[in-house]
C-alpha atoms as a PDB file:
ATOM      1  CA  MET A   1       0.000   0.000   0.000  1.00  0.00           C
ATOM      2  CA  GLU A   2       2.827   2.372   0.825  1.00  0.00           C
ATOM      3  CA  ALA A   3       4.383   1.749  -2.597  1.00  0.00           C
ATOM      4  CA  VAL A   4       1.067   2.490  -4.278  1.00  0.00           C
ATOM      5  CA  GLU A   5       0.703   5.745  -2.335  1.00  0.00           C
ATOM      6  CA  GLN A   6       4.150   6.800  -3.487  1.00  0.00           C
ATOM      7  CA  ARG A   7       3.163   6.214  -7.127  1.00  0.00           C
ATOM      8  CA  VAL A   8      -0.387   7.568  -6.977  1.00  0.00           C
ATOM      9  CA  LYS A   9      -1.292  11.025  -5.747  1.00  0.00           C
ATOM     10  CA  LEU A  10      -4.727  12.565  -5.450  1.00  0.00           C
ATOM     11  CA  PRO A  11      -5.164  15.513  -7.828  1.00  0.00           C
ATOM     12  CA  GLN A  12      -4.850  19.010  -6.439  1.00  0.00           C
ATOM     13  CA  LYS A  13      -7.678  21.424  -7.151  1.00  0.00           C
ATOM     14  CA  ARG A  14      -5.310  24.356  -7.662  1.00  0.00           C
ATOM     15  CA  PHE A  15      -4.291  22.799 -10.999  1.00  0.00           C
ATOM     16  CA  TYR A  16      -7.916  22.523 -12.148  1.00  0.00           C
ATOM     17  CA  ARG A  17      -9.233  25.983 -11.362  1.00  0.00           C
ATOM     18  CA  GLN A  18     -11.996  27.348 -13.555  1.00  0.00           C
ATOM     19  CA  ARG A  19     -14.556  30.127 -13.367  1.00  0.00           C
ATOM     20  CA  ALA A  20     -17.389  29.288 -11.011  1.00  0.00           C
ATOM     21  CA  HIS A  21     -20.164  29.530 -13.590  1.00  0.00           C
ATOM     22  CA  SER A  22     -20.803  28.180 -17.062  1.00  0.00           C
ATOM     23  CA  ASN A  23     -23.596  29.256 -19.387  1.00  0.00           C
ATOM     24  CA  PRO A  24     -25.842  26.182 -19.779  1.00  0.00           C
ATOM     25  CA  ILE A  25     -27.640  27.725 -22.758  1.00  0.00           C
ATOM     26  CA  ALA A  26     -24.484  28.244 -24.822  1.00  0.00           C
ATOM     27  CA  ASP A  27     -23.410  25.675 -27.373  1.00  0.00           C
ATOM     28  CA  HIS A  28     -20.727  23.409 -25.960  1.00  0.00           C
ATOM     29  CA  ASN A  29     -18.946  20.490 -27.553  1.00  0.00           C
ATOM     30  CA  PHE A  30     -20.455  17.444 -25.848  1.00  0.00           C
ATOM     31  CA  ASP A  31     -20.524  13.782 -26.721  1.00  0.00           C
ATOM     32  CA  TYR A  32     -23.830  12.208 -25.816  1.00  0.00           C
ATOM     33  CA  PRO A  33     -25.730   9.093 -26.912  1.00  0.00           C
ATOM     34  CA  PRO A  34     -28.768   9.344 -29.206  1.00  0.00           C
ATOM     35  CA  HIS A  35     -30.674   7.258 -26.623  1.00  0.00           C
ATOM     36  CA  PRO A  36     -29.783   5.567 -23.292  1.00  0.00           C
ATOM     37  CA  ASP A  37     -29.316   2.078 -24.736  1.00  0.00           C
ATOM     38  CA  ALA A  38     -26.532   3.395 -26.971  1.00  0.00           C
ATOM     39  CA  TYR A  39     -24.276   4.441 -24.085  1.00  0.00           C
ATOM     40  CA  ASP A  40     -21.555   2.062 -22.901  1.00  0.00           C
ATOM     41  CA  TRP A  41     -21.573   2.459 -19.114  1.00  0.00           C
ATOM     42  CA  SER A  42     -18.935  -0.269 -18.705  1.00  0.00           C
ATOM     43  CA  GLN A  43     -16.282   2.248 -19.780  1.00  0.00           C
ATOM     44  CA  LEU A  44     -16.987   4.144 -16.551  1.00  0.00           C
ATOM     45  CA  TYR A  45     -17.709   1.303 -14.114  1.00  0.00           C
ATOM     46  CA  PRO A  46     -15.205  -1.586 -14.275  1.00  0.00           C
ATOM     47  CA  SER A  47     -17.503  -4.070 -12.505  1.00  0.00           C
ATOM     48  CA  ILE A  48     -20.918  -2.863 -13.628  1.00  0.00           C
ATOM     49  CA  GLY A  49     -22.263  -6.325 -14.449  1.00  0.00           C
ATOM     50  CA  ASP A  50     -26.016  -6.138 -15.067  1.00  0.00           C
ATOM     51  CA  ARG A  51     -26.488  -3.099 -12.840  1.00  0.00           C
ATOM     52  CA  GLN A  52     -27.527   0.362 -14.001  1.00  0.00           C
ATOM     53  CA  VAL A  53     -26.906   3.865 -12.681  1.00  0.00           C
ATOM     54  CA  GLU A  54     -29.474   4.794 -10.026  1.00  0.00           C
ATOM     55  CA  PHE A  55     -28.051   8.002  -8.486  1.00  0.00           C
ATOM     56  CA  ALA A  56     -27.207  11.217 -10.375  1.00  0.00           C
ATOM     57  CA  ASP A  57     -25.429  14.207  -8.810  1.00  0.00           C
ATOM     58  CA  ILE A  58     -26.241  17.100 -11.145  1.00  0.00           C
ATOM     59  CA  GLY A  59     -23.518  19.744 -11.169  1.00  0.00           C
ATOM     60  CA  CYS A  60     -21.288  17.568  -8.996  1.00  0.00           C
ATOM     61  CA  GLY A  61     -18.537  20.188  -8.681  1.00  0.00           C
ATOM     62  CA  TYR A  62     -15.274  18.734  -7.405  1.00  0.00           C
ATOM     63  CA  GLY A  63     -16.930  15.447  -6.444  1.00  0.00           C
ATOM     64  CA  GLY A  64     -16.928  15.547  -2.656  1.00  0.00           C
ATOM     65  CA  PHE A  65     -20.526  14.429  -2.303  1.00  0.00           C
ATOM     66  CA  LEU A  66     -20.146  11.923  -5.137  1.00  0.00           C
ATOM     67  CA  VAL A  67     -17.351  10.216  -3.191  1.00  0.00           C
ATOM     68  CA  THR A  68     -19.551  10.207  -0.090  1.00  0.00           C
ATOM     69  CA  LEU A  69     -22.341   8.577  -2.113  1.00  0.00           C
ATOM     70  CA  GLY A  70     -19.987   5.835  -3.257  1.00  0.00           C
ATOM     71  CA  GLU A  71     -18.909   5.140   0.300  1.00  0.00           C
ATOM     72  CA  THR A  72     -22.468   5.232   1.689  1.00  0.00           C
ATOM     73  CA  TYR A  73     -23.965   2.996  -1.002  1.00  0.00           C
ATOM     74  CA  PRO A  74     -21.211   0.600  -2.140  1.00  0.00           C
ATOM     75  CA  ASP A  75     -23.681  -1.546  -4.107  1.00  0.00           C
ATOM     76  CA  LYS A  76     -25.275   1.344  -6.034  1.00  0.00           C
ATOM     77  CA  LEU A  77     -23.912   3.104  -9.115  1.00  0.00           C
ATOM     78  CA  ALA A  78     -23.729   6.899  -8.918  1.00  0.00           C
ATOM     79  CA  ILE A  79     -22.819   9.338 -11.695  1.00  0.00           C
ATOM     80  CA  GLY A  80     -21.644  12.916 -11.340  1.00  0.00           C
ATOM     81  CA  MET A  81     -22.587  15.263 -14.180  1.00  0.00           C
ATOM     82  CA  GLU A  82     -20.560  18.463 -14.503  1.00  0.00           C
ATOM     83  CA  ILE A  83     -20.546  21.026 -17.321  1.00  0.00           C
ATOM     84  CA  ARG A  84     -17.165  22.677 -16.608  1.00  0.00           C
ATOM     85  CA  VAL A  85     -14.180  21.104 -18.375  1.00  0.00           C
ATOM     86  CA  LYS A  86     -11.440  21.398 -15.771  1.00  0.00           C
ATOM     87  CA  VAL A  87     -13.756  20.600 -12.869  1.00  0.00           C
ATOM     88  CA  SER A  88     -15.013  17.419 -14.515  1.00  0.00           C
ATOM     89  CA  ASP A  89     -11.393  16.501 -15.380  1.00  0.00           C
ATOM     90  CA  TYR A  90     -10.537  16.864 -11.698  1.00  0.00           C
ATOM     91  CA  VAL A  91     -13.341  14.553 -10.606  1.00  0.00           C
ATOM     92  CA  MET A  92     -12.375  11.922 -13.170  1.00  0.00           C
ATOM     93  CA  ASP A  93      -8.727  12.061 -12.089  1.00  0.00           C
ATOM     94  CA  ARG A  94      -9.775  11.968  -8.434  1.00  0.00           C
ATOM     95  CA  ILE A  95     -11.823   8.816  -8.946  1.00  0.00           C
ATOM     96  CA  GLN A  96      -9.014   7.094 -10.838  1.00  0.00           C
ATOM     97  CA  ALA A  97      -6.573   7.943  -8.039  1.00  0.00           C
ATOM     98  CA  LEU A  98      -8.980   6.696  -5.350  1.00  0.00           C
ATOM     99  CA  ARG A  99      -9.433   3.422  -7.230  1.00  0.00           C
ATOM    100  CA  ALA A 100      -5.670   2.977  -7.490  1.00  0.00           C
ATOM    101  CA  LEU A 101      -5.172   3.753  -3.799  1.00  0.00           C
ATOM    102  CA  HIS A 102      -8.048   1.561  -2.579  1.00  0.00           C
ATOM    103  CA  ALA A 103      -8.244  -1.624  -4.642  1.00  0.00           C
ATOM    104  CA  GLY A 104     -11.819  -2.695  -5.306  1.00  0.00           C
ATOM    105  CA  LYS A 105     -13.351   0.509  -3.950  1.00  0.00           C
ATOM    106  CA  TYR A 106     -14.854   3.545  -5.670  1.00  0.00           C
ATOM    107  CA  GLU A 107     -15.679   1.488  -8.757  1.00  0.00           C
ATOM    108  CA  ASN A 108     -19.325   2.447  -8.251  1.00  0.00           C
ATOM    109  CA  ILE A 109     -18.858   6.180  -8.935  1.00  0.00           C
ATOM    110  CA  ALA A 110     -17.942   8.021 -12.121  1.00  0.00           C
ATOM    111  CA  CYS A 111     -18.171  11.457 -13.712  1.00  0.00           C
ATOM    112  CA  ILE A 112     -19.054  12.670 -17.175  1.00  0.00           C
ATOM    113  CA  ARG A 113     -18.841  16.155 -18.629  1.00  0.00           C
ATOM    114  CA  THR A 114     -22.225  17.047 -20.022  1.00  0.00           C
ATOM    115  CA  ASN A 115     -25.069  19.539 -19.871  1.00  0.00           C
ATOM    116  CA  ALA A 116     -27.787  17.913 -17.763  1.00  0.00           C
ATOM    117  CA  MET A 117     -30.232  20.671 -18.740  1.00  0.00           C
ATOM    118  CA  LYS A 118     -30.142  19.394 -22.323  1.00  0.00           C
ATOM    119  CA  TYR A 119     -29.107  15.752 -22.375  1.00  0.00           C
ATOM    120  CA  LEU A 120     -30.457  13.961 -19.282  1.00  0.00           C
ATOM    121  CA  PRO A 121     -32.962  11.824 -21.255  1.00  0.00           C
ATOM    122  CA  ASN A 122     -30.147  10.800 -23.597  1.00  0.00           C
ATOM    123  CA  PHE A 123     -28.444   8.988 -20.733  1.00  0.00           C
ATOM    124  CA  PHE A 124     -31.283   7.615 -18.594  1.00  0.00           C
ATOM    125  CA  ARG A 125     -34.301   5.464 -19.362  1.00  0.00           C
ATOM    126  CA  LYS A 126     -37.772   6.189 -18.096  1.00  0.00           C
ATOM    127  CA  HIS A 127     -37.953   5.657 -14.304  1.00  0.00           C
ATOM    128  CA  GLN A 128     -34.319   4.501 -14.158  1.00  0.00           C
ATOM    129  CA  LEU A 129     -33.101   6.764 -11.351  1.00  0.00           C
ATOM    130  CA  GLU A 130     -33.755   6.417  -7.649  1.00  0.00           C
ATOM    131  CA  LYS A 131     -32.159   9.697  -6.513  1.00  0.00           C
ATOM    132  CA  LEU A 132     -31.341  13.068  -8.096  1.00  0.00           C
ATOM    133  CA  PHE A 133     -29.154  15.587  -6.275  1.00  0.00           C
ATOM    134  CA  PHE A 134     -28.972  19.348  -6.809  1.00  0.00           C
ATOM    135  CA  LEU A 135     -26.491  20.594  -4.223  1.00  0.00           C
ATOM    136  CA  TYR A 136     -25.575  24.287  -4.188  1.00  0.00           C
ATOM    137  CA  PRO A 137     -26.634  24.950  -7.799  1.00  0.00           C
ATOM    138  CA  ASP A 138     -25.862  28.232  -9.526  1.00  0.00           C
ATOM    139  CA  PRO A 139     -28.491  30.710  -8.241  1.00  0.00           C
ATOM    140  CA  HIS A 140     -28.492  32.872 -11.401  1.00  0.00           C
ATOM    141  CA  PHE A 141     -29.529  35.879  -9.378  1.00  0.00           C
ATOM    142  CA  LYS A 142     -30.694  38.129 -12.234  1.00  0.00           C
ATOM    143  CA  LYS A 143     -34.354  37.670 -13.084  1.00  0.00           C
ATOM    144  CA  ALA A 144     -33.564  37.459 -16.793  1.00  0.00           C
ATOM    145  CA  LYS A 145     -31.410  34.406 -16.076  1.00  0.00           C
ATOM    146  CA  HIS A 146     -33.915  32.532 -13.908  1.00  0.00           C
ATOM    147  CA  LYS A 147     -34.654  30.395 -16.981  1.00  0.00           C
ATOM    148  CA  TRP A 148     -31.131  29.013 -16.602  1.00  0.00           C
ATOM    149  CA  ARG A 149     -31.817  27.663 -13.135  1.00  0.00           C
ATOM    150  CA  ILE A 150     -31.512  23.901 -12.968  1.00  0.00           C
ATOM    151  CA  ILE A 151     -34.925  23.688 -11.305  1.00  0.00           C
ATOM    152  CA  ASN A 152     -37.720  24.989 -13.509  1.00  0.00           C
ATOM    153  CA  SER A 153     -41.110  23.753 -14.669  1.00  0.00           C
ATOM    154  CA  THR A 154     -39.913  22.304 -17.974  1.00  0.00           C
ATOM    155  CA  LEU A 155     -36.922  20.479 -16.536  1.00  0.00           C
ATOM    156  CA  LEU A 156     -38.990  19.078 -13.662  1.00  0.00           C
ATOM    157  CA  SER A 157     -40.993  17.100 -16.205  1.00  0.00           C
ATOM    158  CA  GLU A 158     -37.732  15.576 -17.439  1.00  0.00           C
ATOM    159  CA  TYR A 159     -36.718  14.766 -13.875  1.00  0.00           C
ATOM    160  CA  ALA A 160     -40.111  13.130 -13.337  1.00  0.00           C
ATOM    161  CA  TYR A 161     -39.480  11.061 -16.479  1.00  0.00           C
ATOM    162  CA  VAL A 162     -36.108   9.655 -15.390  1.00  0.00           C
ATOM    163  CA  LEU A 163     -37.069   9.235 -11.700  1.00  0.00           C
ATOM    164  CA  ARG A 164     -38.960   6.114 -10.661  1.00  0.00           C
ATOM    165  CA  PRO A 165     -42.123   6.456  -8.528  1.00  0.00           C
ATOM    166  CA  GLY A 166     -40.953   6.841  -4.936  1.00  0.00           C
ATOM    167  CA  GLY A 167     -37.634   8.273  -6.092  1.00  0.00           C
ATOM    168  CA  LYS A 168     -36.312  11.457  -4.533  1.00  0.00           C
ATOM    169  CA  ILE A 169     -35.000  14.881  -5.486  1.00  0.00           C
ATOM    170  CA  TYR A 170     -32.563  16.393  -2.969  1.00  0.00           C
ATOM    171  CA  THR A 171     -31.910  20.143  -2.976  1.00  0.00           C
ATOM    172  CA  VAL A 172     -29.427  22.167  -0.908  1.00  0.00           C
ATOM    173  CA  THR A 173     -28.440  25.818  -1.259  1.00  0.00           C
ATOM    174  CA  ASP A 174     -27.067  28.667   0.805  1.00  0.00           C
ATOM    175  CA  VAL A 175     -29.307  31.190  -0.996  1.00  0.00           C
ATOM    176  CA  ARG A 176     -32.729  31.669   0.603  1.00  0.00           C
ATOM    177  CA  ASP A 177     -34.287  33.070  -2.581  1.00  0.00           C
ATOM    178  CA  LEU A 178     -33.148  30.065  -4.594  1.00  0.00           C
ATOM    179  CA  HIS A 179     -34.379  27.673  -1.900  1.00  0.00           C
ATOM    180  CA  ASP A 180     -37.827  29.273  -1.995  1.00  0.00           C
ATOM    181  CA  TRP A 181     -37.783  29.177  -5.812  1.00  0.00           C
ATOM    182  CA  MET A 182     -36.887  25.472  -5.967  1.00  0.00           C
ATOM    183  CA  CYS A 183     -39.435  24.498  -3.314  1.00  0.00           C
ATOM    184  CA  LYS A 184     -42.191  26.502  -5.007  1.00  0.00           C
ATOM    185  CA  HIS A 185     -41.609  25.033  -8.449  1.00  0.00           C
ATOM    186  CA  ILE A 186     -41.204  21.435  -7.282  1.00  0.00           C
ATOM    187  CA  GLU A 187     -44.231  21.584  -4.971  1.00  0.00           C
ATOM    188  CA  GLU A 188     -46.351  23.025  -7.783  1.00  0.00           C
ATOM    189  CA  HIS A 189     -45.412  20.198 -10.161  1.00  0.00           C
ATOM    190  CA  PRO A 190     -48.017  17.402 -10.145  1.00  0.00           C
ATOM    191  CA  CYS A 191     -45.407  14.634 -10.044  1.00  0.00           C
ATOM    192  CA  PHE A 192     -43.739  15.639  -6.770  1.00  0.00           C
ATOM    193  CA  GLU A 193     -44.525  16.099  -3.104  1.00  0.00           C
ATOM    194  CA  ARG A 194     -42.340  17.574  -0.389  1.00  0.00           C
ATOM    195  CA  ILE A 195     -41.102  15.188   2.281  1.00  0.00           C
ATOM    196  CA  PRO A 196     -41.862  16.323   5.860  1.00  0.00           C
ATOM    197  CA  GLU A 197     -39.041  17.148   8.263  1.00  0.00           C
ATOM    198  CA  GLU A 198     -39.584  14.085  10.461  1.00  0.00           C
ATOM    199  CA  GLU A 199     -39.063  11.819   7.455  1.00  0.00           C
ATOM    200  CA  ILE A 200     -35.991  13.765   6.311  1.00  0.00           C
ATOM    201  CA  SER A 201     -34.249  13.106   9.626  1.00  0.00           C
ATOM    202  CA  ALA A 202     -34.615   9.370   9.025  1.00  0.00           C
ATOM    203  CA  ASP A 203     -32.902   9.594   5.619  1.00  0.00           C
ATOM    204  CA  ILE A 204     -29.338   8.279   5.843  1.00  0.00           C
ATOM    205  CA  LEU A 205     -28.170  11.080   3.554  1.00  0.00           C
ATOM    206  CA  SER A 206     -29.711  13.985   5.476  1.00  0.00           C
ATOM    207  CA  SER A 207     -26.630  14.430   7.661  1.00  0.00           C
ATOM    208  CA  LYS A 208     -24.280  14.233   4.653  1.00  0.00           C
ATOM    209  CA  LEU A 209     -25.985  16.594   2.216  1.00  0.00           C
ATOM    210  CA  LEU A 210     -24.921  19.882   3.772  1.00  0.00           C
ATOM    211  CA  ASP A 211     -21.172  19.423   4.169  1.00  0.00           C
ATOM    212  CA  SER A 212     -19.924  16.569   1.987  1.00  0.00           C
ATOM    213  CA  SER A 213     -19.433  18.759  -1.073  1.00  0.00           C
ATOM    214  CA  GLU A 214     -16.621  21.278  -1.368  1.00  0.00           C
ATOM    215  CA  GLU A 215     -19.165  24.061  -1.808  1.00  0.00           C
ATOM    216  CA  GLY A 216     -20.915  23.016   1.401  1.00  0.00           C
ATOM    217  CA  GLN A 217     -17.631  23.034   3.292  1.00  0.00           C
ATOM    218  CA  LYS A 218     -16.913  26.518   1.950  1.00  0.00           C
ATOM    219  CA  VAL A 219     -20.290  27.738   3.212  1.00  0.00           C
ATOM    220  CA  THR A 220     -19.536  26.216   6.615  1.00  0.00           C
ATOM    221  CA  ARG A 221     -16.164  27.979   6.786  1.00  0.00           C
ATOM    222  CA  ASN A 222     -17.889  31.263   5.991  1.00  0.00           C
ATOM    223  CA  SER A 223     -20.620  30.602   8.585  1.00  0.00           C
ATOM    224  CA  GLY A 224     -23.264  30.818   5.883  1.00  0.00           C
ATOM    225  CA  ASP A 225     -26.852  29.605   5.994  1.00  0.00           C
ATOM    226  CA  LYS A 226     -27.907  26.300   4.439  1.00  0.00           C
ATOM    227  CA  PHE A 227     -31.344  25.306   3.243  1.00  0.00           C
ATOM    228  CA  MET A 228     -32.307  21.719   2.446  1.00  0.00           C
ATOM    229  CA  ALA A 229     -35.467  20.155   1.038  1.00  0.00           C
ATOM    230  CA  ILE A 230     -36.286  16.661  -0.250  1.00  0.00           C
ATOM    231  CA  PHE A 231     -39.113  15.744  -2.606  1.00  0.00           C
ATOM    232  CA  ARG A 232     -40.680  12.429  -3.562  1.00  0.00           C
ATOM    233  CA  ARG A 233     -41.673  11.376  -7.075  1.00  0.00           C
ATOM    234  CA  LEU A 234     -45.343  10.367  -6.998  1.00  0.00           C
END
């Protein structure tokens, strides 16, 4: 193990720095399958077998929560989806390093660079996913850019399509206005209901959602507020 650690080093974020925001409406150069059956998931998960991806972390950032997901659910496959080039490169390199350092572990998580606002149905079948995560998404403060928010009425219908009945949407933000916006739009959609606080406390992930991601840790260091809500697919 010591010899492996000498050969393999975890990537350092300072070499992967990129601007915090990316325009999801702009044309980017993405590779994506024409339909879910055309995508070869085995290139991302070495021991996928007959399993399929069930968790998706949308805008996974530097992958902190994605790693936590892999550790919490070793038998489930989780994918991180990130639009920024260098950030997604970091997560991919991080996962490869973790796999090399811990033989047989972290083979259930992976990251792809894509625009989830455009291509989610290209990757996932109807009712394939069990959990969708939106942790500290870009608030797009200006009213003219609210259409870019990852939670909106149109996209919620896509999320309802890929989520199985009983599946969950998890949202966390440090921006009160965005929290209210997400809750309002999800609660108004006919396919979702908000989960009450007493049920949230029983969710194994409730204690991990706020601080597992790098953005969450940054908010904690700055003594910022955090707002969490979980919704069930009807």
